[in-house]
């Protein structure tokens, strides 16, 4: 059943890459896929993604702006400037008419581009249109994502709440001040990549110890998933959970020692910091 009380039901996704497609899959559960439309410089790609979700395709980015309540900017930071220039006139028209072109519904832009601040987006458009920044991660594709949201002052609380409900179809939604968005990019936005590398490494260790590859991958992934669920649901400190596994002189403490000898914690911290700094550079 779709979110009947949601007023913002016409959704455009400018860009049909992995993240945009994954997020729209979750949002489609809330508003109905028929209310979602894609646009992309690669029209065939947009058509393929739309067909897979039961969504539609807009003929241009300007048409997407004209016909949507929510317009997601799901493009790479390096090309966002060009997209903003392309949609500038349509955004100004929608903003000045207070959504008259779409049944009186105002337009809200939602940017997924790392590094681009709300103020920079509004400045590029030449109008203080309501803008939200979000940083989702790829598990939104299975409705298990983390989606952090920051909103401009022009976005009323009622519409922020509606947006949060719509996004909840893709995972956990949390609101945070915009100043944290680059840090979020380094942690949860980029984090799945670090976890996949870790799972693959665990599986490689299992293979080295004699396990078949398919079994090792399955066991490693389930181990990480189960441990993450315990971290979230148990309410216990991570050190306490670790101690539950590491008996004196046992196997787990031997493994942890090997990780510490390779500066495992420092490597994880450095990965988040490097991604955080890169997000700032992309602005």
Protein backbone atom coordinates (compact mmCIF):
# COMPACT_ATOMS: atom_id res chain seq x y z
CA UNK A 1 0.00 0.00 0.00
CA UNK A 2 1.37 3.38 -0.98
CA UNK A 3 1.69 6.37 1.30
CA UNK A 4 -1.75 7.87 0.67
CA UNK A 5 -1.22 10.90 2.90
CA UNK A 6 1.91 12.00 1.03
CA UNK A 7 1.16 15.17 -0.92
CA UNK A 8 4.38 15.19 -2.93
CA UNK A 9 3.74 12.33 -5.33
CA UNK A 10 5.26 13.44 -8.64
CA UNK A 11 8.93 12.49 -8.42
CA UNK A 12 11.66 13.15 -10.97
CA UNK A 13 15.11 11.64 -10.89
CA UNK A 14 17.62 13.53 -12.99
CA UNK A 15 20.23 10.85 -13.57
CA UNK A 16 19.65 7.11 -13.80
CA UNK A 17 22.87 5.78 -12.32
CA UNK A 18 23.16 3.15 -9.60
CA UNK A 19 22.35 5.43 -6.67
CA UNK A 20 19.44 7.20 -8.33
CA UNK A 21 17.91 3.93 -9.50
CA UNK A 22 18.38 2.31 -6.10
CA UNK A 23 16.79 5.21 -4.24
CA UNK A 24 13.84 5.41 -6.63
CA UNK A 25 13.17 1.71 -6.12
CA UNK A 26 12.62 2.37 -2.42
CA UNK A 27 10.65 5.57 -2.98
CA UNK A 28 8.45 3.73 -5.45
CA UNK A 29 7.19 1.59 -2.59
CA UNK A 30 5.83 4.73 -0.95
CA UNK A 31 4.45 6.80 -3.84
CA UNK A 32 3.95 4.19 -6.55
CA UNK A 33 6.48 3.67 -9.38
CA UNK A 34 4.07 5.18 -11.91
CA UNK A 35 4.58 8.54 -10.18
CA UNK A 36 8.35 8.45 -10.76
CA UNK A 37 10.10 9.65 -13.91
CA UNK A 38 13.73 9.45 -15.01
CA UNK A 39 15.84 11.59 -17.28
CA UNK A 40 19.43 11.04 -18.36
CA UNK A 41 21.85 12.22 -21.02
CA UNK A 42 21.85 8.53 -22.02
CA UNK A 43 18.19 8.12 -22.95
CA UNK A 44 18.45 4.37 -23.47
CA UNK A 45 19.80 3.99 -19.93
CA UNK A 46 16.94 6.04 -18.48
CA UNK A 47 14.42 3.95 -20.42
CA UNK A 48 15.95 0.68 -19.21
CA UNK A 49 15.95 1.77 -15.55
CA UNK A 50 12.42 3.14 -15.79
CA UNK A 51 11.17 -0.07 -17.40
CA UNK A 52 12.74 -2.18 -14.65
CA UNK A 53 10.88 -0.20 -11.97
CA UNK A 54 7.62 0.47 -13.78
CA UNK A 55 8.41 4.19 -13.94
CA UNK A 56 8.29 6.68 -16.81
CA UNK A 57 10.84 8.76 -18.73
CA UNK A 58 10.91 12.52 -19.21
CA UNK A 59 12.07 13.94 -22.52
CA UNK A 60 14.38 16.49 -20.88
CA UNK A 61 15.62 17.78 -17.55
CA UNK A 62 13.45 20.87 -17.99
CA UNK A 63 10.34 18.73 -18.45
CA UNK A 64 11.27 16.82 -15.29
CA UNK A 65 11.34 20.09 -13.36
CA UNK A 66 8.08 21.30 -14.88
CA UNK A 67 6.13 18.15 -14.02
CA UNK A 68 7.47 17.12 -10.62
CA UNK A 69 6.91 18.02 -6.98
CA UNK A 70 10.24 16.48 -5.97
CA UNK A 71 13.21 16.60 -8.31
CA UNK A 72 16.19 14.49 -7.27
CA UNK A 73 19.55 15.59 -8.63
CA UNK A 74 21.19 12.17 -8.88
CA UNK A 75 24.25 13.19 -10.88
CA UNK A 76 27.96 13.22 -10.14
CA UNK A 77 29.31 16.33 -8.37
CA UNK A 78 31.54 17.08 -11.36
CA UNK A 79 28.57 17.57 -13.71
CA UNK A 80 26.04 19.10 -11.33
CA UNK A 81 27.01 22.61 -12.45
CA UNK A 82 25.98 21.82 -16.03
CA UNK A 83 22.69 20.29 -14.90
CA UNK A 84 21.86 23.30 -12.74
CA UNK A 85 22.55 25.62 -15.67
CA UNK A 86 20.27 23.51 -17.86
CA UNK A 87 17.32 23.55 -15.45
CA UNK A 88 17.78 27.12 -14.19
CA UNK A 89 15.00 28.69 -16.25
CA UNK A 90 12.51 25.91 -15.49
CA UNK A 91 13.27 26.15 -11.77
CA UNK A 92 12.80 29.92 -11.77
CA UNK A 93 9.50 29.56 -13.63
CA UNK A 94 8.21 26.98 -11.16
CA UNK A 95 9.39 29.00 -8.17
CA UNK A 96 7.93 32.30 -9.36
CA UNK A 97 4.54 30.74 -10.11
CA UNK A 98 4.55 28.80 -6.83
CA UNK A 99 4.01 25.56 -8.63
CA UNK A 100 1.15 26.73 -10.84
CA UNK A 101 2.50 24.58 -13.66
CA UNK A 102 1.93 21.50 -11.52
CA UNK A 103 -1.47 22.02 -9.95
CA UNK A 104 -0.23 24.60 -7.46
CA UNK A 105 2.35 22.28 -5.91
CA UNK A 106 5.69 23.96 -5.22
CA UNK A 107 8.95 22.41 -6.34
CA UNK A 108 11.56 20.93 -4.01
CA UNK A 109 15.03 20.00 -5.24
CA UNK A 110 16.88 17.16 -3.52
CA UNK A 111 20.59 16.93 -4.26
CA UNK A 112 22.62 13.76 -3.81
CA UNK A 113 25.87 15.33 -5.01
CA UNK A 114 28.74 15.16 -2.56
CA UNK A 115 30.42 18.44 -1.69
CA UNK A 116 27.78 20.79 -3.14
CA UNK A 117 26.19 22.93 -0.41
CA UNK A 118 22.60 24.12 -0.45
CA UNK A 119 23.80 27.72 -0.76
CA UNK A 120 25.96 26.83 -3.78
CA UNK A 121 23.03 25.10 -5.49
CA UNK A 122 20.71 28.06 -4.88
CA UNK A 123 23.39 30.52 -6.04
CA UNK A 124 23.92 28.57 -9.26
CA UNK A 125 20.17 28.64 -9.92
CA UNK A 126 19.85 32.31 -9.02
CA UNK A 127 16.83 31.68 -6.79
CA UNK A 128 16.30 30.45 -3.24
CA UNK A 129 14.18 27.48 -4.22
CA UNK A 130 13.58 24.95 -1.40
CA UNK A 131 16.49 22.52 -1.44
CA UNK A 132 17.29 19.41 0.58
CA UNK A 133 20.62 17.62 0.54
CA UNK A 134 20.65 13.91 1.15
CA UNK A 135 23.44 11.39 1.41
CA UNK A 136 22.10 7.87 0.82
CA UNK A 137 24.13 4.70 0.46
CA UNK A 138 23.65 1.80 -1.92
CA UNK A 139 21.75 -0.53 0.46
CA UNK A 140 18.73 1.70 -0.26
CA UNK A 141 18.28 -0.73 -3.15
CA UNK A 142 17.05 -3.35 -0.67
CA UNK A 143 15.40 -0.78 1.64
CA UNK A 144 18.23 -1.12 4.16
CA UNK A 145 20.03 2.12 3.43
CA UNK A 146 21.13 5.04 5.56
CA UNK A 147 19.82 8.38 4.29
CA UNK A 148 20.95 11.58 5.98
CA UNK A 149 18.92 14.71 5.20
CA UNK A 150 19.64 18.42 5.58
CA UNK A 151 17.10 21.04 4.50
CA UNK A 152 17.23 24.70 3.54
CA UNK A 153 15.22 27.25 5.57
CA UNK A 154 12.81 27.60 2.64
CA UNK A 155 11.58 24.04 3.11
CA UNK A 156 8.59 23.99 5.53
CA UNK A 157 8.58 21.42 8.33
CA UNK A 158 5.45 19.77 6.92
CA UNK A 159 7.17 19.12 3.60
CA UNK A 160 10.33 17.91 5.33
CA UNK A 161 8.19 15.39 7.20
CA UNK A 162 6.57 14.26 3.94
CA UNK A 163 9.99 13.88 2.35
CA UNK A 164 11.22 11.82 5.29
CA UNK A 165 8.21 9.49 4.96
CA UNK A 166 8.79 9.01 1.26
CA UNK A 167 12.49 8.33 1.77
CA UNK A 168 11.76 5.84 4.55
CA UNK A 169 10.78 3.31 1.89
CA UNK A 170 14.51 3.05 1.12
CA UNK A 171 15.87 2.72 4.65
CA UNK A 172 16.65 4.65 7.82
CA UNK A 173 16.26 8.41 7.49
CA UNK A 174 17.88 10.85 9.88
CA UNK A 175 17.98 14.64 9.81
CA UNK A 176 21.26 16.41 10.51
CA UNK A 177 22.77 19.86 10.09
CA UNK A 178 24.31 20.42 6.67
CA UNK A 179 27.73 21.08 8.15
CA UNK A 180 28.07 17.32 8.78
CA UNK A 181 27.30 16.19 5.23
CA UNK A 182 30.90 15.73 4.09
CA UNK A 183 31.60 13.61 7.16
CA UNK A 184 28.47 11.56 6.43
CA UNK A 185 29.73 11.08 2.88
CA UNK A 186 32.96 9.63 4.22
CA UNK A 187 31.22 7.35 6.72
CA UNK A 188 27.86 5.98 5.62
CA UNK A 189 27.83 7.24 2.03
CA UNK A 190 31.11 5.56 1.12
CA UNK A 191 31.00 3.00 3.92
CA UNK A 192 29.43 0.09 2.01
CA UNK A 193 32.51 -0.02 -0.22
CA UNK A 194 34.74 -0.49 2.81
CA UNK A 195 32.45 -3.22 4.16
CA UNK A 196 32.44 -5.07 0.82
CA UNK A 197 36.24 -5.03 0.79
CA UNK A 198 36.21 -6.39 4.36
CA UNK A 199 33.72 -9.15 3.51
CA UNK A 200 35.76 -10.13 0.47
CA UNK A 201 38.92 -10.19 2.59
CA UNK A 202 37.22 -12.37 5.22
CA UNK A 203 36.13 -14.74 2.48
CA UNK A 204 39.66 -14.82 1.07
CA UNK A 205 40.85 -15.79 4.53
CA UNK A 206 38.31 -18.59 4.59
CA UNK A 207 39.46 -19.80 1.18
CA UNK A 208 43.06 -19.73 2.37
CA UNK A 209 41.99 -21.89 5.30
CA UNK A 210 40.42 -24.42 2.89
CA UNK A 211 36.77 -23.37 2.50
CA UNK A 212 35.08 -23.40 -0.92
CA UNK A 213 34.78 -19.86 -2.34
CA UNK A 214 30.96 -19.76 -2.44
CA UNK A 215 30.67 -20.99 1.13
CA UNK A 216 33.31 -18.56 2.39
CA UNK A 217 31.54 -15.59 0.79
CA UNK A 218 28.17 -16.60 2.19
CA UNK A 219 29.51 -17.15 5.70
CA UNK A 220 31.50 -13.92 5.68
CA UNK A 221 28.55 -11.81 4.52
CA UNK A 222 26.16 -13.37 7.03
CA UNK A 223 28.71 -12.93 9.82
CA UNK A 224 29.01 -9.20 9.08
CA UNK A 225 25.23 -8.82 8.76
CA UNK A 226 24.59 -10.63 12.05
CA UNK A 227 27.29 -8.70 13.90
CA UNK A 228 25.92 -5.39 12.60
CA UNK A 229 22.41 -6.33 13.73
CA UNK A 230 23.73 -7.15 17.21
CA UNK A 231 25.57 -3.82 17.35
CA UNK A 232 22.34 -1.96 16.53
CA UNK A 233 19.82 -4.01 18.46
CA UNK A 234 21.63 -5.20 21.61
CA UNK A 235 22.34 -1.76 23.05
CA UNK A 236 25.70 -3.07 24.27
CA UNK A 237 29.00 -1.25 23.86
CA UNK A 238 31.01 -2.59 20.94
CA UNK A 239 33.87 -3.45 23.29
CA UNK A 240 31.50 -5.59 25.35
CA UNK A 241 30.26 -7.38 22.23
CA UNK A 242 33.86 -7.99 21.19
CA UNK A 243 34.71 -9.39 24.60
CA UNK A 244 31.80 -11.85 24.29
CA UNK A 245 33.72 -13.47 21.42
CA UNK A 246 37.30 -13.18 22.64
CA UNK A 247 37.97 -15.82 25.28
CA UNK A 248 41.43 -15.84 26.93
CA UNK A 249 44.04 -17.46 24.74
CA UNK A 250 41.43 -18.24 22.12
CA UNK A 251 41.08 -17.92 18.37
CA UNK A 252 39.29 -14.57 18.21
CA UNK A 253 41.92 -12.71 20.24
CA UNK A 254 44.59 -14.20 18.00
CA UNK A 255 42.74 -12.83 14.99
CA UNK A 256 42.25 -9.41 16.59
CA UNK A 257 45.94 -9.26 17.39
CA UNK A 258 46.71 -9.89 13.73
CA UNK A 259 44.35 -7.07 12.73
CA UNK A 260 45.92 -4.67 15.22
CA UNK A 261 49.40 -5.60 14.00
CA UNK A 262 48.26 -4.39 10.57
CA UNK A 263 46.81 -1.13 11.99
CA UNK A 264 43.27 -2.23 11.12
CA UNK A 265 41.52 0.48 13.15
CA UNK A 266 43.80 3.20 11.81
CA UNK A 267 43.15 2.02 8.25
CA UNK A 268 39.37 2.25 8.77
CA UNK A 269 39.66 5.71 10.31
CA UNK A 270 41.92 6.86 7.49
CA UNK A 271 39.44 5.57 4.89
CA UNK A 272 36.61 7.68 6.34
CA UNK A 273 38.88 10.71 6.65
CA UNK A 274 40.12 10.38 3.06
CA UNK A 275 36.56 10.18 1.73
CA UNK A 276 35.53 13.13 3.92
CA UNK A 277 38.34 15.26 2.54
CA UNK A 278 37.54 14.23 -1.03
CA UNK A 279 33.89 15.21 -0.54
CA UNK A 280 35.02 18.68 0.53
CA UNK A 281 37.23 18.92 -2.57
CA UNK A 282 34.30 18.11 -4.86
CA UNK A 283 32.30 21.13 -3.67
